[in-house]
Amino acid sequence: MRIYTLAITTVLYLCSFAAVAGSGHDHSQGHAAITQAQAESIASKNVARLADKEKIDKSWTAIKASKVEKKSFGGNSEWVVVFNNDAVSDPEKQTLYIFLSIGGDYLAANHTGK
């Protein structure tokens, strides 16, 4: 019975650390920050992936990034890689923003930059 009580106590003790983590912490802290060139390369690969999945037109795969910068959203820094494609007929869809964590993980893509 003592071993059972000790095991249950240990499990509950360890679970309390997981509960403390909660939301609002940065998952990329364990990843080293990538360089601007690495962010551009990773973003280009994600553009190709989105085109392969037909989320965006295939013409995007031939476009090079026009801007790569770090921005802060809600207190967290991210890489924002911007692509411009004049071949797209809708002017509101001619700019594609790829968002990456500082560590290089894909976060999102959109045409608004927000």
PDB file of N, CA and C in Angstrom:
ATOM      1  N   MET A   1       0.827  -1.200   0.000  1.00  0.00           N
ATOM      2  CA  MET A   1       0.000   0.000   0.000  1.00  0.00           C
ATOM      3  C   MET A   1       0.864   1.254   0.000  1.00  0.00           C
ATOM      4  N   ARG A   2       2.027   1.215   0.655  1.00  0.00           N
ATOM      5  CA  ARG A   2       2.914   2.385   0.699  1.00  0.00           C
ATOM      6  C   ARG A   2       3.434   2.723  -0.695  1.00  0.00           C
ATOM      7  N   ILE A   3       3.784   1.700  -1.458  1.00  0.00           N
ATOM      8  CA  ILE A   3       4.316   1.932  -2.805  1.00  0.00           C
ATOM      9  C   ILE A   3       3.228   2.560  -3.681  1.00  0.00           C
ATOM     10  N   TYR A   4       2.004   2.075  -3.555  1.00  0.00           N
ATOM     11  CA  TYR A   4       0.897   2.627  -4.316  1.00  0.00           C
ATOM     12  C   TYR A   4       0.693   4.103  -3.966  1.00  0.00           C
ATOM     13  N   THR A   5       0.695   4.449  -2.702  1.00  0.00           N
ATOM     14  CA  THR A   5       0.528   5.832  -2.255  1.00  0.00           C
ATOM     15  C   THR A   5       1.677   6.697  -2.753  1.00  0.00           C
ATOM     16  N   LEU A   6       2.898   6.184  -2.700  1.00  0.00           N
ATOM     17  CA  LEU A   6       4.064   6.920  -3.179  1.00  0.00           C
ATOM     18  C   LEU A   6       3.967   7.169  -4.688  1.00  0.00           C
ATOM     19  N   ALA A   7       3.534   6.167  -5.426  1.00  0.00           N
ATOM     20  CA  ALA A   7       3.398   6.307  -6.880  1.00  0.00           C
ATOM     21  C   ALA A   7       2.345   7.356  -7.232  1.00  0.00           C
ATOM     22  N   ILE A   8       1.207   7.319  -6.579  1.00  0.00           N
ATOM     23  CA  ILE A   8       0.139   8.293  -6.835  1.00  0.00           C
ATOM     24  C   ILE A   8       0.610   9.694  -6.477  1.00  0.00           C
ATOM     25  N   THR A   9       1.284   9.854  -5.365  1.00  0.00           N
ATOM     26  CA  THR A   9       1.796  11.150  -4.936  1.00  0.00           C
ATOM     27  C   THR A   9       2.798  11.698  -5.947  1.00  0.00           C
ATOM     28  N   THR A  10       3.676  10.848  -6.438  1.00  0.00           N
ATOM     29  CA  THR A  10       4.679  11.263  -7.423  1.00  0.00           C
ATOM     30  C   THR A  10       4.008  11.729  -8.712  1.00  0.00           C
ATOM     31  N   VAL A  11       3.032  10.976  -9.185  1.00  0.00           N
ATOM     32  CA  VAL A  11       2.326  11.346 -10.416  1.00  0.00           C
ATOM     33  C   VAL A  11       1.618  12.690 -10.246  1.00  0.00           C
ATOM     34  N   LEU A  12       0.936  12.879  -9.153  1.00  0.00           N
ATOM     35  CA  LEU A  12       0.243  14.142  -8.907  1.00  0.00           C
ATOM     36  C   LEU A  12       1.232  15.305  -8.807  1.00  0.00           C
ATOM     37  N   TYR A  13       2.359  15.079  -8.200  1.00  0.00           N
ATOM     38  CA  TYR A  13       3.398  16.098  -8.071  1.00  0.00           C
ATOM     39  C   TYR A  13       3.904  16.515  -9.448  1.00  0.00           C
ATOM     40  N   LEU A  14       4.187  15.545 -10.297  1.00  0.00           N
ATOM     41  CA  LEU A  14       4.693  15.842 -11.633  1.00  0.00           C
ATOM     42  C   LEU A  14       3.643  16.517 -12.504  1.00  0.00           C
ATOM     43  N   CYS A  15       2.382  16.153 -12.343  1.00  0.00           N
ATOM     44  CA  CYS A  15       1.307  16.771 -13.117  1.00  0.00           C
ATOM     45  C   CYS A  15       1.127  18.244 -12.758  1.00  0.00           C
ATOM     46  N   SER A  16       1.469  18.611 -11.550  1.00  0.00           N
ATOM     47  CA  SER A  16       1.305  20.005 -11.145  1.00  0.00           C
ATOM     48  C   SER A  16       2.218  20.923 -11.944  1.00  0.00           C
ATOM     49  N   PHE A  17       3.382  20.436 -12.381  1.00  0.00           N
ATOM     50  CA  PHE A  17       4.274  21.250 -13.204  1.00  0.00           C
ATOM     51  C   PHE A  17       3.670  21.511 -14.577  1.00  0.00           C
ATOM     52  N   ALA A  18       2.981  20.556 -15.142  1.00  0.00           N
ATOM     53  CA  ALA A  18       2.343  20.736 -16.443  1.00  0.00           C
ATOM     54  C   ALA A  18       1.228  21.770 -16.347  1.00  0.00           C
ATOM     55  N   ALA A  19       0.518  21.776 -15.249  1.00  0.00           N
ATOM     56  CA  ALA A  19      -0.574  22.737 -15.070  1.00  0.00           C
ATOM     57  C   ALA A  19      -0.049  24.155 -14.947  1.00  0.00           C
ATOM     58  N   VAL A  20       1.115  24.339 -14.394  1.00  0.00           N
ATOM     59  CA  VAL A  20       1.698  25.667 -14.217  1.00  0.00           C
ATOM     60  C   VAL A  20       2.091  26.272 -15.562  1.00  0.00           C
ATOM     61  N   ALA A  21       2.481  25.457 -16.540  1.00  0.00           N
ATOM     62  CA  ALA A  21       2.933  25.969 -17.831  1.00  0.00           C
ATOM     63  C   ALA A  21       1.833  26.786 -18.490  1.00  0.00           C
ATOM     64  N   GLY A  22       0.611  26.275 -18.554  1.00  0.00           N
ATOM     65  CA  GLY A  22      -0.518  27.020 -19.078  1.00  0.00           C
ATOM     66  C   GLY A  22      -0.278  27.631 -20.440  1.00  0.00           C
ATOM     67  N   SER A  23      -1.119  28.605 -20.796  1.00  0.00           N
ATOM     68  CA  SER A  23      -0.977  29.271 -22.089  1.00  0.00           C
ATOM     69  C   SER A  23      -0.146  30.532 -21.929  1.00  0.00           C
ATOM     70  N   GLY A  24       0.229  31.105 -23.053  1.00  0.00           N
ATOM     71  CA  GLY A  24       0.951  32.363 -23.035  1.00  0.00           C
ATOM     72  C   GLY A  24       2.456  32.210 -23.029  1.00  0.00           C
ATOM     73  N   HIS A  25       2.955  30.985 -22.983  1.00  0.00           N
ATOM     74  CA  HIS A  25       4.393  30.816 -23.050  1.00  0.00           C
ATOM     75  C   HIS A  25       4.808  30.571 -24.490  1.00  0.00           C
ATOM     76  N   ASP A  26       6.068  30.782 -24.768  1.00  0.00           N
ATOM     77  CA  ASP A  26       6.561  30.701 -26.134  1.00  0.00           C
ATOM     78  C   ASP A  26       7.102  29.313 -26.408  1.00  0.00           C
ATOM     79  N   HIS A  27       6.476  28.598 -27.340  1.00  0.00           N
ATOM     80  CA  HIS A  27       6.905  27.252 -27.676  1.00  0.00           C
ATOM     81  C   HIS A  27       8.224  27.229 -28.425  1.00  0.00           C
ATOM     82  N   SER A  28       8.653  28.349 -28.984  1.00  0.00           N
ATOM     83  CA  SER A  28       9.879  28.368 -29.780  1.00  0.00           C
ATOM     84  C   SER A  28      11.122  28.627 -28.942  1.00  0.00           C
ATOM     85  N   GLN A  29      10.988  28.760 -27.641  1.00  0.00           N
ATOM     86  CA  GLN A  29      12.138  29.050 -26.799  1.00  0.00           C
ATOM     87  C   GLN A  29      13.212  27.986 -26.905  1.00  0.00           C
ATOM     88  N   GLY A  30      12.832  26.754 -27.146  1.00  0.00           N
ATOM     89  CA  GLY A  30      13.804  25.681 -27.254  1.00  0.00           C
ATOM     90  C   GLY A  30      14.526  25.676 -28.591  1.00  0.00           C
ATOM     91  N   HIS A  31      14.006  26.411 -29.570  1.00  0.00           N
ATOM     92  CA  HIS A  31      14.606  26.459 -30.894  1.00  0.00           C
ATOM     93  C   HIS A  31      15.515  27.667 -30.993  1.00  0.00           C
ATOM     94  N   ALA A  32      16.656  27.481 -31.612  1.00  0.00           N
ATOM     95  CA  ALA A  32      17.541  28.609 -31.862  1.00  0.00           C
ATOM     96  C   ALA A  32      16.909  29.476 -32.940  1.00  0.00           C
ATOM     97  N   ALA A  33      17.117  30.771 -32.838  1.00  0.00           N
ATOM     98  CA  ALA A  33      16.594  31.690 -33.841  1.00  0.00           C
ATOM     99  C   ALA A  33      17.285  31.436 -35.176  1.00  0.00           C
ATOM    100  N   ILE A  34      16.497  31.504 -36.234  1.00  0.00           N
ATOM    101  CA  ILE A  34      17.053  31.310 -37.567  1.00  0.00           C
ATOM    102  C   ILE A  34      17.467  32.667 -38.142  1.00  0.00           C
ATOM    103  N   THR A  35      18.261  32.633 -39.195  1.00  0.00           N
ATOM    104  CA  THR A  35      18.706  33.859 -39.845  1.00  0.00           C
ATOM    105  C   THR A  35      17.649  34.340 -40.836  1.00  0.00           C
ATOM    106  N   GLN A  36      17.840  35.540 -41.323  1.00  0.00           N
ATOM    107  CA  GLN A  36      16.937  36.101 -42.317  1.00  0.00           C
ATOM    108  C   GLN A  36      16.943  35.246 -43.588  1.00  0.00           C
ATOM    109  N   ALA A  37      18.121  34.803 -44.007  1.00  0.00           N
ATOM    110  CA  ALA A  37      18.224  33.956 -45.207  1.00  0.00           C
ATOM    111  C   ALA A  37      17.510  32.626 -45.002  1.00  0.00           C
ATOM    112  N   GLN A  38      17.631  32.048 -43.810  1.00  0.00           N
ATOM    113  CA  GLN A  38      16.937  30.794 -43.518  1.00  0.00           C
ATOM    114  C   GLN A  38      15.424  31.007 -43.515  1.00  0.00           C
ATOM    115  N   ALA A  39      14.964  32.138 -42.979  1.00  0.00           N
ATOM    116  CA  ALA A  39      13.532  32.441 -42.970  1.00  0.00           C
ATOM    117  C   ALA A  39      13.005  32.539 -44.397  1.00  0.00           C
ATOM    118  N   GLU A  40      13.771  33.169 -45.284  1.00  0.00           N
ATOM    119  CA  GLU A  40      13.354  33.285 -46.682  1.00  0.00           C
ATOM    120  C   GLU A  40      13.267  31.913 -47.348  1.00  0.00           C
ATOM    121  N   SER A  41      14.239  31.071 -47.094  1.00  0.00           N
ATOM    122  CA  SER A  41      14.253  29.722 -47.675  1.00  0.00           C
ATOM    123  C   SER A  41      13.077  28.889 -47.176  1.00  0.00           C
ATOM    124  N   ILE A  42      12.841  28.912 -45.889  1.00  0.00           N
ATOM    125  CA  ILE A  42      11.735  28.145 -45.302  1.00  0.00           C
ATOM    126  C   ILE A  42      10.393  28.660 -45.825  1.00  0.00           C
ATOM    127  N   ALA A  43      10.258  29.980 -45.928  1.00  0.00           N
ATOM    128  CA  ALA A  43       9.015  30.556 -46.440  1.00  0.00           C
ATOM    129  C   ALA A  43       8.779  30.132 -47.887  1.00  0.00           C
ATOM    130  N   SER A  44       9.832  30.121 -48.697  1.00  0.00           N
ATOM    131  CA  SER A  44       9.698  29.704 -50.099  1.00  0.00           C
ATOM    132  C   SER A  44       9.247  28.247 -50.193  1.00  0.00           C
ATOM    133  N   LYS A  45       9.765  27.410 -49.330  1.00  0.00           N
ATOM    134  CA  LYS A  45       9.342  26.011 -49.310  1.00  0.00           C
ATOM    135  C   LYS A  45       7.869  25.893 -48.924  1.00  0.00           C
ATOM    136  N   ASN A  46       7.422  26.767 -48.031  1.00  0.00           N
ATOM    137  CA  ASN A  46       6.013  26.740 -47.637  1.00  0.00           C
ATOM    138  C   ASN A  46       5.111  27.287 -48.737  1.00  0.00           C
ATOM    139  N   VAL A  47       5.599  28.234 -49.526  1.00  0.00           N
ATOM    140  CA  VAL A  47       4.839  28.707 -50.684  1.00  0.00           C
ATOM    141  C   VAL A  47       4.638  27.543 -51.651  1.00  0.00           C
ATOM    142  N   ALA A  48       5.697  26.789 -51.911  1.00  0.00           N
ATOM    143  CA  ALA A  48       5.598  25.622 -52.805  1.00  0.00           C
ATOM    144  C   ALA A  48       4.624  24.591 -52.243  1.00  0.00           C
ATOM    145  N   ARG A  49       4.669  24.372 -50.934  1.00  0.00           N
ATOM    146  CA  ARG A  49       3.763  23.407 -50.293  1.00  0.00           C
ATOM    147  C   ARG A  49       2.308  23.855 -50.441  1.00  0.00           C
ATOM    148  N   LEU A  50       2.056  25.158 -50.238  1.00  0.00           N
ATOM    149  CA  LEU A  50       0.697  25.681 -50.379  1.00  0.00           C
ATOM    150  C   LEU A  50       0.203  25.581 -51.820  1.00  0.00           C
ATOM    151  N   ALA A  51       1.104  25.811 -52.772  1.00  0.00           N
ATOM    152  CA  ALA A  51       0.739  25.678 -54.192  1.00  0.00           C
ATOM    153  C   ALA A  51       0.445  24.223 -54.536  1.00  0.00           C
ATOM    154  N   ASP A  52       1.246  23.304 -54.000  1.00  0.00           N
ATOM    155  CA  ASP A  52       1.004  21.870 -54.237  1.00  0.00           C
ATOM    156  C   ASP A  52      -0.353  21.434 -53.700  1.00  0.00           C
ATOM    157  N   LYS A  53      -0.764  22.025 -52.578  1.00  0.00           N
ATOM    158  CA  LYS A  53      -2.065  21.699 -51.982  1.00  0.00           C
ATOM    159  C   LYS A  53      -3.205  22.505 -52.602  1.00  0.00           C
ATOM    160  N   GLU A  54      -2.855  23.315 -53.622  1.00  0.00           N
ATOM    161  CA  GLU A  54      -3.812  24.152 -54.336  1.00  0.00           C
ATOM    162  C   GLU A  54      -4.494  25.178 -53.439  1.00  0.00           C
ATOM    163  N   LYS A  55      -3.798  25.610 -52.407  1.00  0.00           N
ATOM    164  CA  LYS A  55      -4.287  26.689 -51.544  1.00  0.00           C
ATOM    165  C   LYS A  55      -4.017  28.035 -52.203  1.00  0.00           C
ATOM    166  N   ILE A  56      -2.946  28.092 -53.004  1.00  0.00           N
ATOM    167  CA  ILE A  56      -2.602  29.276 -53.782  1.00  0.00           C
ATOM    168  C   ILE A  56      -2.247  28.831 -55.199  1.00  0.00           C
ATOM    169  N   ASP A  57      -2.246  29.781 -56.120  1.00  0.00           N
ATOM    170  CA  ASP A  57      -1.945  29.475 -57.515  1.00  0.00           C
ATOM    171  C   ASP A  57      -0.496  29.009 -57.676  1.00  0.00           C
ATOM    172  N   LYS A  58      -0.274  28.119 -58.632  1.00  0.00           N
ATOM    173  CA  LYS A  58       1.075  27.585 -58.897  1.00  0.00           C
ATOM    174  C   LYS A  58       2.069  28.683 -59.288  1.00  0.00           C
ATOM    175  N   SER A  59       1.582  29.800 -59.817  1.00  0.00           N
ATOM    176  CA  SER A  59       2.483  30.884 -60.227  1.00  0.00           C
ATOM    177  C   SER A  59       3.303  31.437 -59.063  1.00  0.00           C
ATOM    178  N   TRP A  60       2.836  31.247 -57.835  1.00  0.00           N
ATOM    179  CA  TRP A  60       3.566  31.730 -56.661  1.00  0.00           C
ATOM    180  C   TRP A  60       4.914  31.033 -56.495  1.00  0.00           C
ATOM    181  N   THR A  61       5.059  29.820 -57.012  1.00  0.00           N
ATOM    182  CA  THR A  61       6.299  29.070 -56.806  1.00  0.00           C
ATOM    183  C   THR A  61       7.493  29.705 -57.515  1.00  0.00           C
ATOM    184  N   ALA A  62       7.244  30.533 -58.522  1.00  0.00           N
ATOM    185  CA  ALA A  62       8.330  31.200 -59.256  1.00  0.00           C
ATOM    186  C   ALA A  62       8.694  32.552 -58.657  1.00  0.00           C
ATOM    187  N   ILE A  63       7.978  32.991 -57.631  1.00  0.00           N
ATOM    188  CA  ILE A  63       8.175  34.318 -57.048  1.00  0.00           C
ATOM    189  C   ILE A  63       9.205  34.263 -55.922  1.00  0.00           C
ATOM    190  N   LYS A  64      10.126  35.207 -55.944  1.00  0.00           N
ATOM    191  CA  LYS A  64      11.120  35.353 -54.866  1.00  0.00           C
ATOM    192  C   LYS A  64      10.561  36.317 -53.827  1.00  0.00           C
ATOM    193  N   ALA A  65      10.996  36.176 -52.609  1.00  0.00           N
ATOM    194  CA  ALA A  65      10.556  37.066 -51.530  1.00  0.00           C
ATOM    195  C   ALA A  65      11.003  38.494 -51.808  1.00  0.00           C
ATOM    196  N   SER A  66      10.112  39.435 -51.542  1.00  0.00           N
ATOM    197  CA  SER A  66      10.457  40.842 -51.720  1.00  0.00           C
ATOM    198  C   SER A  66      10.896  41.497 -50.417  1.00  0.00           C
ATOM    199  N   LYS A  67      10.516  40.883 -49.293  1.00  0.00           N
ATOM    200  CA  LYS A  67      10.883  41.451 -47.989  1.00  0.00           C
ATOM    201  C   LYS A  67      10.870  40.346 -46.943  1.00  0.00           C
ATOM    202  N   VAL A  68      11.858  40.398 -46.047  1.00  0.00           N
ATOM    203  CA  VAL A  68      11.921  39.473 -44.912  1.00  0.00           C
ATOM    204  C   VAL A  68      12.219  40.321 -43.688  1.00  0.00           C
ATOM    205  N   GLU A  69      11.330  40.273 -42.696  1.00  0.00           N
ATOM    206  CA  GLU A  69      11.556  41.090 -41.508  1.00  0.00           C
ATOM    207  C   GLU A  69      10.988  40.424 -40.260  1.00  0.00           C
ATOM    208  N   LYS A  70      11.538  40.827 -39.120  1.00  0.00           N
ATOM    209  CA  LYS A  70      10.998  40.379 -37.834  1.00  0.00           C
ATOM    210  C   LYS A  70       9.943  41.387 -37.407  1.00  0.00           C
ATOM    211  N   LYS A  71       8.825  40.870 -36.936  1.00  0.00           N
ATOM    212  CA  LYS A  71       7.758  41.721 -36.415  1.00  0.00           C
ATOM    213  C   LYS A  71       7.288  41.151 -35.087  1.00  0.00           C
ATOM    214  N   SER A  72       6.661  41.999 -34.312  1.00  0.00           N
ATOM    215  CA  SER A  72       6.134  41.580 -33.019  1.00  0.00           C
ATOM    216  C   SER A  72       4.613  41.575 -33.075  1.00  0.00           C
ATOM    217  N   PHE A  73       4.025  40.446 -32.717  1.00  0.00           N
ATOM    218  CA  PHE A  73       2.576  40.288 -32.660  1.00  0.00           C
ATOM    219  C   PHE A  73       2.218  39.790 -31.269  1.00  0.00           C
ATOM    220  N   GLY A  74       1.468  40.579 -30.538  1.00  0.00           N
ATOM    221  CA  GLY A  74       1.040  40.172 -29.207  1.00  0.00           C
ATOM    222  C   GLY A  74       2.204  39.869 -28.278  1.00  0.00           C
ATOM    223  N   GLY A  75       3.293  40.580 -28.440  1.00  0.00           N
ATOM    224  CA  GLY A  75       4.451  40.385 -27.580  1.00  0.00           C
ATOM    225  C   GLY A  75       5.401  39.291 -28.038  1.00  0.00           C
ATOM    226  N   ASN A  76       5.052  38.554 -29.089  1.00  0.00           N
ATOM    227  CA  ASN A  76       5.918  37.494 -29.621  1.00  0.00           C
ATOM    228  C   ASN A  76       6.509  37.933 -30.948  1.00  0.00           C
ATOM    229  N   SER A  77       7.794  37.724 -31.121  1.00  0.00           N
ATOM    230  CA  SER A  77       8.452  38.047 -32.379  1.00  0.00           C
ATOM    231  C   SER A  77       8.254  36.914 -33.369  1.00  0.00           C
ATOM    232  N   GLU A  78       8.078  37.285 -34.630  1.00  0.00           N
ATOM    233  CA  GLU A  78       7.911  36.322 -35.710  1.00  0.00           C
ATOM    234  C   GLU A  78       8.640  36.838 -36.944  1.00  0.00           C
ATOM    235  N   TRP A  79       8.970  35.926 -37.828  1.00  0.00           N
ATOM    236  CA  TRP A  79       9.457  36.307 -39.152  1.00  0.00           C
ATOM    237  C   TRP A  79       8.245  36.486 -40.048  1.00  0.00           C
ATOM    238  N   VAL A  80       8.246  37.567 -40.839  1.00  0.00           N
ATOM    239  CA  VAL A  80       7.221  37.788 -41.845  1.00  0.00           C
ATOM    240  C   VAL A  80       7.949  37.893 -43.182  1.00  0.00           C
ATOM    241  N   VAL A  81       7.611  37.001 -44.098  1.00  0.00           N
ATOM    242  CA  VAL A  81       8.237  36.971 -45.418  1.00  0.00           C
ATOM    243  C   VAL A  81       7.164  37.338 -46.436  1.00  0.00           C
ATOM    244  N   VAL A  82       7.454  38.358 -47.241  1.00  0.00           N
ATOM    245  CA  VAL A  82       6.477  38.923 -48.159  1.00  0.00           C
ATOM    246  C   VAL A  82       6.828  38.545 -49.601  1.00  0.00           C
ATOM    247  N   PHE A  83       5.820  38.100 -50.345  1.00  0.00           N
ATOM    248  CA  PHE A  83       5.948  37.759 -51.757  1.00  0.00           C
ATOM    249  C   PHE A  83       4.930  38.591 -52.538  1.00  0.00           C
ATOM    250  N   ASN A  84       5.333  39.131 -53.693  1.00  0.00           N
ATOM    251  CA  ASN A  84       4.433  39.904 -54.549  1.00  0.00           C
ATOM    252  C   ASN A  84       4.336  39.216 -55.905  1.00  0.00           C
ATOM    253  N   ASN A  85       3.102  39.011 -56.356  1.00  0.00           N
ATOM    254  CA  ASN A  85       2.859  38.297 -57.610  1.00  0.00           C
ATOM    255  C   ASN A  85       1.903  39.115 -58.472  1.00  0.00           C
ATOM    256  N   ASP A  86       2.452  39.856 -59.445  1.00  0.00           N
ATOM    257  CA  ASP A  86       1.641  40.686 -60.330  1.00  0.00           C
ATOM    258  C   ASP A  86       0.790  39.866 -61.291  1.00  0.00           C
ATOM    259  N   ALA A  87       1.066  38.579 -61.433  1.00  0.00           N
ATOM    260  CA  ALA A  87       0.292  37.716 -62.329  1.00  0.00           C
ATOM    261  C   ALA A  87      -1.099  37.405 -61.771  1.00  0.00           C
ATOM    262  N   VAL A  88      -1.301  37.647 -60.495  1.00  0.00           N
ATOM    263  CA  VAL A  88      -2.605  37.405 -59.874  1.00  0.00           C
ATOM    264  C   VAL A  88      -3.525  38.567 -60.244  1.00  0.00           C
ATOM    265  N   SER A  89      -4.695  38.264 -60.771  1.00  0.00           N
ATOM    266  CA  SER A  89      -5.596  39.307 -61.272  1.00  0.00           C
ATOM    267  C   SER A  89      -6.233  40.148 -60.163  1.00  0.00           C
ATOM    268  N   ASP A  90      -6.506  39.557 -59.019  1.00  0.00           N
ATOM    269  CA  ASP A  90      -7.132  40.285 -57.904  1.00  0.00           C
ATOM    270  C   ASP A  90      -6.056  41.064 -57.147  1.00  0.00           C
ATOM    271  N   PRO A  91      -6.104  42.407 -57.197  1.00  0.00           N
ATOM    272  CA  PRO A  91      -5.075  43.215 -56.529  1.00  0.00           C
ATOM    273  C   PRO A  91      -4.951  42.934 -55.024  1.00  0.00           C
ATOM    274  N   GLU A  92      -6.037  42.531 -54.405  1.00  0.00           N
ATOM    275  CA  GLU A  92      -6.000  42.236 -52.969  1.00  0.00           C
ATOM    276  C   GLU A  92      -5.301  40.917 -52.663  1.00  0.00           C
ATOM    277  N   LYS A  93      -5.050  40.104 -53.683  1.00  0.00           N
ATOM    278  CA  LYS A  93      -4.408  38.799 -53.505  1.00  0.00           C
ATOM    279  C   LYS A  93      -3.005  38.759 -54.120  1.00  0.00           C
ATOM    280  N   GLN A  94      -2.480  39.921 -54.546  1.00  0.00           N
ATOM    281  CA  GLN A  94      -1.167  39.960 -55.184  1.00  0.00           C
ATOM    282  C   GLN A  94      -0.007  39.897 -54.189  1.00  0.00           C
ATOM    283  N   THR A  95      -0.286  40.096 -52.920  1.00  0.00           N
ATOM    284  CA  THR A  95       0.753  40.024 -51.886  1.00  0.00           C
ATOM    285  C   THR A  95       0.435  38.861 -50.968  1.00  0.00           C
ATOM    286  N   LEU A  96       1.441  38.013 -50.746  1.00  0.00           N
ATOM    287  CA  LEU A  96       1.299  36.856 -49.867  1.00  0.00           C
ATOM    288  C   LEU A  96       2.274  37.004 -48.715  1.00  0.00           C
ATOM    289  N   TYR A  97       1.774  36.852 -47.497  1.00  0.00           N
ATOM    290  CA  TYR A  97       2.587  36.941 -46.285  1.00  0.00           C
ATOM    291  C   TYR A  97       2.713  35.545 -45.677  1.00  0.00           C
ATOM    292  N   ILE A  98       3.949  35.153 -45.421  1.00  0.00           N
ATOM    293  CA  ILE A  98       4.204  33.881 -44.745  1.00  0.00           C
ATOM    294  C   ILE A  98       4.747  34.228 -43.354  1.00  0.00           C
ATOM    295  N   PHE A  99       4.144  33.660 -42.328  1.00  0.00           N
ATOM    296  CA  PHE A  99       4.547  33.910 -40.946  1.00  0.00           C
ATOM    297  C   PHE A  99       5.264  32.679 -40.393  1.00  0.00           C
ATOM    298  N   LEU A 100       6.438  32.917 -39.823  1.00  0.00           N
ATOM    299  CA  LEU A 100       7.239  31.854 -39.215  1.00  0.00           C
ATOM    300  C   LEU A 100       7.595  32.242 -37.794  1.00  0.00           C
ATOM    301  N   SER A 101       7.735  31.248 -36.937  1.00  0.00           N
ATOM    302  CA  SER A 101       8.252  31.531 -35.596  1.00  0.00           C
ATOM    303  C   SER A 101       9.716  31.941 -35.731  1.00  0.00           C
ATOM    304  N   ILE A 102      10.271  32.515 -34.711  1.00  0.00           N
ATOM    305  CA  ILE A 102      11.690  32.897 -34.721  1.00  0.00           C
ATOM    306  C   ILE A 102      12.562  31.671 -34.938  1.00  0.00           C
ATOM    307  N   GLY A 103      12.091  30.515 -34.514  1.00  0.00           N
ATOM    308  CA  GLY A 103      12.821  29.266 -34.704  1.00  0.00           C
ATOM    309  C   GLY A 103      12.623  28.640 -36.076  1.00  0.00           C
ATOM    310  N   GLY A 104      11.728  29.206 -36.913  1.00  0.00           N
ATOM    311  CA  GLY A 104      11.543  28.728 -38.275  1.00  0.00           C
ATOM    312  C   GLY A 104      10.328  27.857 -38.513  1.00  0.00           C
ATOM    313  N   ASP A 105       9.481  27.687 -37.507  1.00  0.00           N
ATOM    314  CA  ASP A 105       8.270  26.886 -37.687  1.00  0.00           C
ATOM    315  C   ASP A 105       7.210  27.694 -38.434  1.00  0.00           C
ATOM    316  N   TYR A 106       6.552  27.051 -39.404  1.00  0.00           N
ATOM    317  CA  TYR A 106       5.470  27.694 -40.153  1.00  0.00           C
ATOM    318  C   TYR A 106       4.312  27.974 -39.207  1.00  0.00           C
ATOM    319  N   LEU A 107       3.804  29.209 -39.247  1.00  0.00           N
ATOM    320  CA  LEU A 107       2.672  29.585 -38.409  1.00  0.00           C
ATOM    321  C   LEU A 107       1.410  29.822 -39.225  1.00  0.00           C
ATOM    322  N   ALA A 108       1.538  30.602 -40.316  1.00  0.00           N
ATOM    323  CA  ALA A 108       0.347  30.956 -41.097  1.00  0.00           C
ATOM    324  C   ALA A 108       0.766  31.619 -42.401  1.00  0.00           C
ATOM    325  N   ALA A 109      -0.238  31.781 -43.262  1.00  0.00           N
ATOM    326  CA  ALA A 109      -0.060  32.528 -44.505  1.00  0.00           C
ATOM    327  C   ALA A 109      -1.369  33.239 -44.792  1.00  0.00           C
ATOM    328  N   ASN A 110      -1.264  34.474 -45.323  1.00  0.00           N
ATOM    329  CA  ASN A 110      -2.473  35.198 -45.721  1.00  0.00           C
ATOM    330  C   ASN A 110      -2.103  36.322 -46.690  1.00  0.00           C
ATOM    331  N   HIS A 111      -3.118  37.035 -47.129  1.00  0.00           N
ATOM    332  CA  HIS A 111      -2.916  38.139 -48.062  1.00  0.00           C
ATOM    333  C   HIS A 111      -3.066  39.500 -47.383  1.00  0.00           C
ATOM    334  N   THR A 112      -3.245  39.523 -46.066  1.00  0.00           N
ATOM    335  CA  THR A 112      -3.464  40.787 -45.360  1.00  0.00           C
ATOM    336  C   THR A 112      -2.240  41.254 -44.568  1.00  0.00           C
ATOM    337  N   GLY A 113      -1.394  40.328 -44.170  1.00  0.00           N
ATOM    338  CA  GLY A 113      -0.239  40.690 -43.356  1.00  0.00           C
ATOM    339  C   GLY A 113      -0.559  40.840 -41.891  1.00  0.00           C
ATOM    340  N   LYS A 114      -1.757  40.443 -41.497  1.00  0.00           N
ATOM    341  CA  LYS A 114      -2.177  40.570 -40.093  1.00  0.00           C
ATOM    342  C   LYS A 114      -2.395  39.211 -39.487  1.00  0.00           C
TER     343      LYS A 114
END
